[in-house]
N, C-alpha and C. Protein backbone atom coordinates (compact mmCIF):
# COMPACT_ATOMS: atom_id res chain seq x y z
N MET A 1 222.42 14.08 149.87
CA MET A 1 222.31 13.24 148.69
C MET A 1 222.63 11.78 149.03
N LYS A 2 223.60 11.60 149.90
CA LYS A 2 224.01 10.25 150.24
C LYS A 2 222.90 9.50 150.99
N SER A 3 222.19 10.19 151.85
CA SER A 3 221.16 9.52 152.62
C SER A 3 219.99 9.08 151.74
N LYS A 4 219.67 9.86 150.71
CA LYS A 4 218.62 9.46 149.79
C LYS A 4 219.01 8.19 149.04
N PHE A 5 220.26 8.11 148.64
CA PHE A 5 220.74 6.91 147.95
C PHE A 5 220.66 5.71 148.87
N THR A 6 221.09 5.88 150.11
CA THR A 6 221.07 4.78 151.07
C THR A 6 219.64 4.31 151.33
N LEU A 7 218.73 5.25 151.55
CA LEU A 7 217.35 4.89 151.79
C LEU A 7 216.73 4.20 150.57
N GLY A 8 217.04 4.69 149.38
CA GLY A 8 216.54 4.07 148.16
C GLY A 8 217.09 2.67 147.97
N PHE A 9 218.37 2.52 148.27
CA PHE A 9 218.99 1.20 148.13
C PHE A 9 218.37 0.20 149.10
N ILE A 10 218.17 0.63 150.34
CA ILE A 10 217.58 -0.26 151.35
C ILE A 10 216.14 -0.60 150.96
N ALA A 11 215.39 0.38 150.49
CA ALA A 11 214.01 0.13 150.08
C ALA A 11 213.96 -0.83 148.89
N GLY A 12 214.83 -0.63 147.93
CA GLY A 12 214.87 -1.50 146.76
C GLY A 12 215.27 -2.93 147.11
N ALA A 13 216.27 -3.06 147.98
CA ALA A 13 216.71 -4.39 148.41
C ALA A 13 215.60 -5.10 149.17
N THR A 14 214.90 -4.36 150.02
CA THR A 14 213.80 -4.95 150.78
C THR A 14 212.67 -5.39 149.85
N ALA A 15 212.36 -4.57 148.87
CA ALA A 15 211.30 -4.92 147.91
C ALA A 15 211.69 -6.15 147.10
N ALA A 16 212.94 -6.20 146.67
CA ALA A 16 213.40 -7.36 145.89
C ALA A 16 213.36 -8.63 146.73
N LEU A 17 213.79 -8.53 147.97
CA LEU A 17 213.76 -9.69 148.86
C LEU A 17 212.33 -10.16 149.11
N THR A 18 211.43 -9.21 149.27
CA THR A 18 210.01 -9.55 149.48
C THR A 18 209.44 -10.27 148.27
N ILE A 19 209.79 -9.82 147.09
CA ILE A 19 209.30 -10.46 145.87
C ILE A 19 209.83 -11.89 145.75
N VAL A 20 211.09 -12.09 146.08
CA VAL A 20 211.68 -13.43 146.01
C VAL A 20 211.01 -14.37 147.00
N VAL A 21 210.80 -13.90 148.23
CA VAL A 21 210.15 -14.73 149.25
C VAL A 21 208.72 -15.07 148.85
N ALA A 22 208.01 -14.10 148.30
CA ALA A 22 206.64 -14.35 147.85
C ALA A 22 206.62 -15.37 146.72
N GLY A 23 207.55 -15.28 145.82
CA GLY A 23 207.63 -16.25 144.72
C GLY A 23 207.91 -17.65 145.22
N LEU A 24 208.85 -17.78 146.14
CA LEU A 24 209.17 -19.10 146.69
C LEU A 24 208.00 -19.68 147.46
N THR A 25 207.30 -18.85 148.19
CA THR A 25 206.13 -19.32 148.93
C THR A 25 205.04 -19.80 147.98
N THR A 26 204.85 -19.06 146.90
CA THR A 26 203.84 -19.44 145.91
C THR A 26 204.19 -20.78 145.27
N VAL A 27 205.44 -20.98 144.93
CA VAL A 27 205.87 -22.24 144.33
C VAL A 27 205.66 -23.38 145.31
N LYS A 28 205.99 -23.17 146.56
CA LYS A 28 205.81 -24.22 147.56
C LYS A 28 204.34 -24.59 147.71
N LEU A 29 203.48 -23.58 147.79
CA LEU A 29 202.06 -23.85 147.97
C LEU A 29 201.41 -24.46 146.73
N ALA A 30 201.84 -24.04 145.55
CA ALA A 30 201.18 -24.47 144.32
C ALA A 30 201.74 -25.77 143.77
N ILE A 31 203.00 -26.06 144.02
CA ILE A 31 203.63 -27.22 143.38
C ILE A 31 204.07 -28.27 144.39
N ILE A 32 204.82 -27.87 145.39
CA ILE A 32 205.45 -28.84 146.29
C ILE A 32 204.44 -29.48 147.23
N ASN A 33 203.58 -28.68 147.87
CA ASN A 33 202.61 -29.25 148.81
C ASN A 33 201.65 -30.24 148.16
N PRO A 34 201.09 -29.97 146.97
CA PRO A 34 200.21 -30.98 146.36
C PRO A 34 200.94 -32.29 146.06
N ILE A 35 202.19 -32.22 145.69
CA ILE A 35 202.96 -33.45 145.42
C ILE A 35 203.12 -34.23 146.71
N GLU A 36 203.44 -33.55 147.81
CA GLU A 36 203.61 -34.24 149.08
C GLU A 36 202.29 -34.84 149.56
N ARG A 37 201.18 -34.10 149.38
CA ARG A 37 199.88 -34.65 149.77
C ARG A 37 199.54 -35.88 148.95
N ARG A 38 199.85 -35.87 147.67
CA ARG A 38 199.58 -37.02 146.79
C ARG A 38 200.41 -38.22 147.25
N GLU A 39 201.68 -38.00 147.60
CA GLU A 39 202.52 -39.11 148.07
C GLU A 39 201.98 -39.68 149.37
N ASP A 40 201.53 -38.81 150.27
CA ASP A 40 200.94 -39.29 151.53
C ASP A 40 199.67 -40.09 151.27
N TRP A 41 198.84 -39.65 150.34
CA TRP A 41 197.62 -40.34 149.99
C TRP A 41 197.92 -41.73 149.42
N ILE A 42 198.92 -41.79 148.55
CA ILE A 42 199.31 -43.08 147.96
C ILE A 42 199.80 -44.03 149.04
N GLU A 43 200.63 -43.53 149.94
CA GLU A 43 201.15 -44.38 151.03
C GLU A 43 200.02 -44.86 151.93
N GLU A 44 199.06 -44.00 152.23
CA GLU A 44 197.93 -44.38 153.06
C GLU A 44 197.10 -45.47 152.38
N ASN A 45 196.85 -45.33 151.10
CA ASN A 45 196.11 -46.36 150.37
C ASN A 45 196.87 -47.67 150.30
N ARG A 46 198.18 -47.58 150.19
CA ARG A 46 198.99 -48.80 150.17
C ARG A 46 198.86 -49.54 151.50
N LYS A 47 198.87 -48.80 152.60
CA LYS A 47 198.71 -49.42 153.92
C LYS A 47 197.34 -50.07 154.05
N LYS A 48 196.29 -49.36 153.59
CA LYS A 48 194.94 -49.92 153.64
C LYS A 48 194.85 -51.20 152.82
N ALA A 49 195.44 -51.21 151.65
CA ALA A 49 195.40 -52.39 150.80
C ALA A 49 196.11 -53.56 151.46
N ASN A 50 197.23 -53.30 152.11
CA ASN A 50 197.94 -54.37 152.80
C ASN A 50 197.12 -54.93 153.95
N ARG A 51 196.43 -54.07 154.68
CA ARG A 51 195.58 -54.57 155.78
C ARG A 51 194.43 -55.41 155.24
N LYS A 52 193.83 -54.99 154.13
CA LYS A 52 192.74 -55.77 153.54
C LYS A 52 193.25 -57.11 153.04
N ARG A 53 194.43 -57.11 152.44
CA ARG A 53 194.99 -58.34 151.90
C ARG A 53 195.26 -59.35 153.03
N ILE A 54 195.76 -58.86 154.16
CA ILE A 54 196.08 -59.74 155.27
C ILE A 54 194.80 -60.24 155.96
N SER A 55 193.78 -59.42 156.05
CA SER A 55 192.56 -59.80 156.78
C SER A 55 191.73 -60.85 156.04
N ARG A 56 191.94 -61.01 154.77
CA ARG A 56 191.13 -61.98 154.02
C ARG A 56 191.63 -63.36 154.17
């Protein structure tokens, strides 16, 4: 009886941990990465604008 409980507990803990990791990965891919890409794009455009301003 004890071994069934232990195996069930380990399986449940593993499943819960997997769900948490999947959720965090989804949040990172759906929310955090697009924000970082947008910030990089803004910075790149700012650099281009400064080069154009200086070249004129």
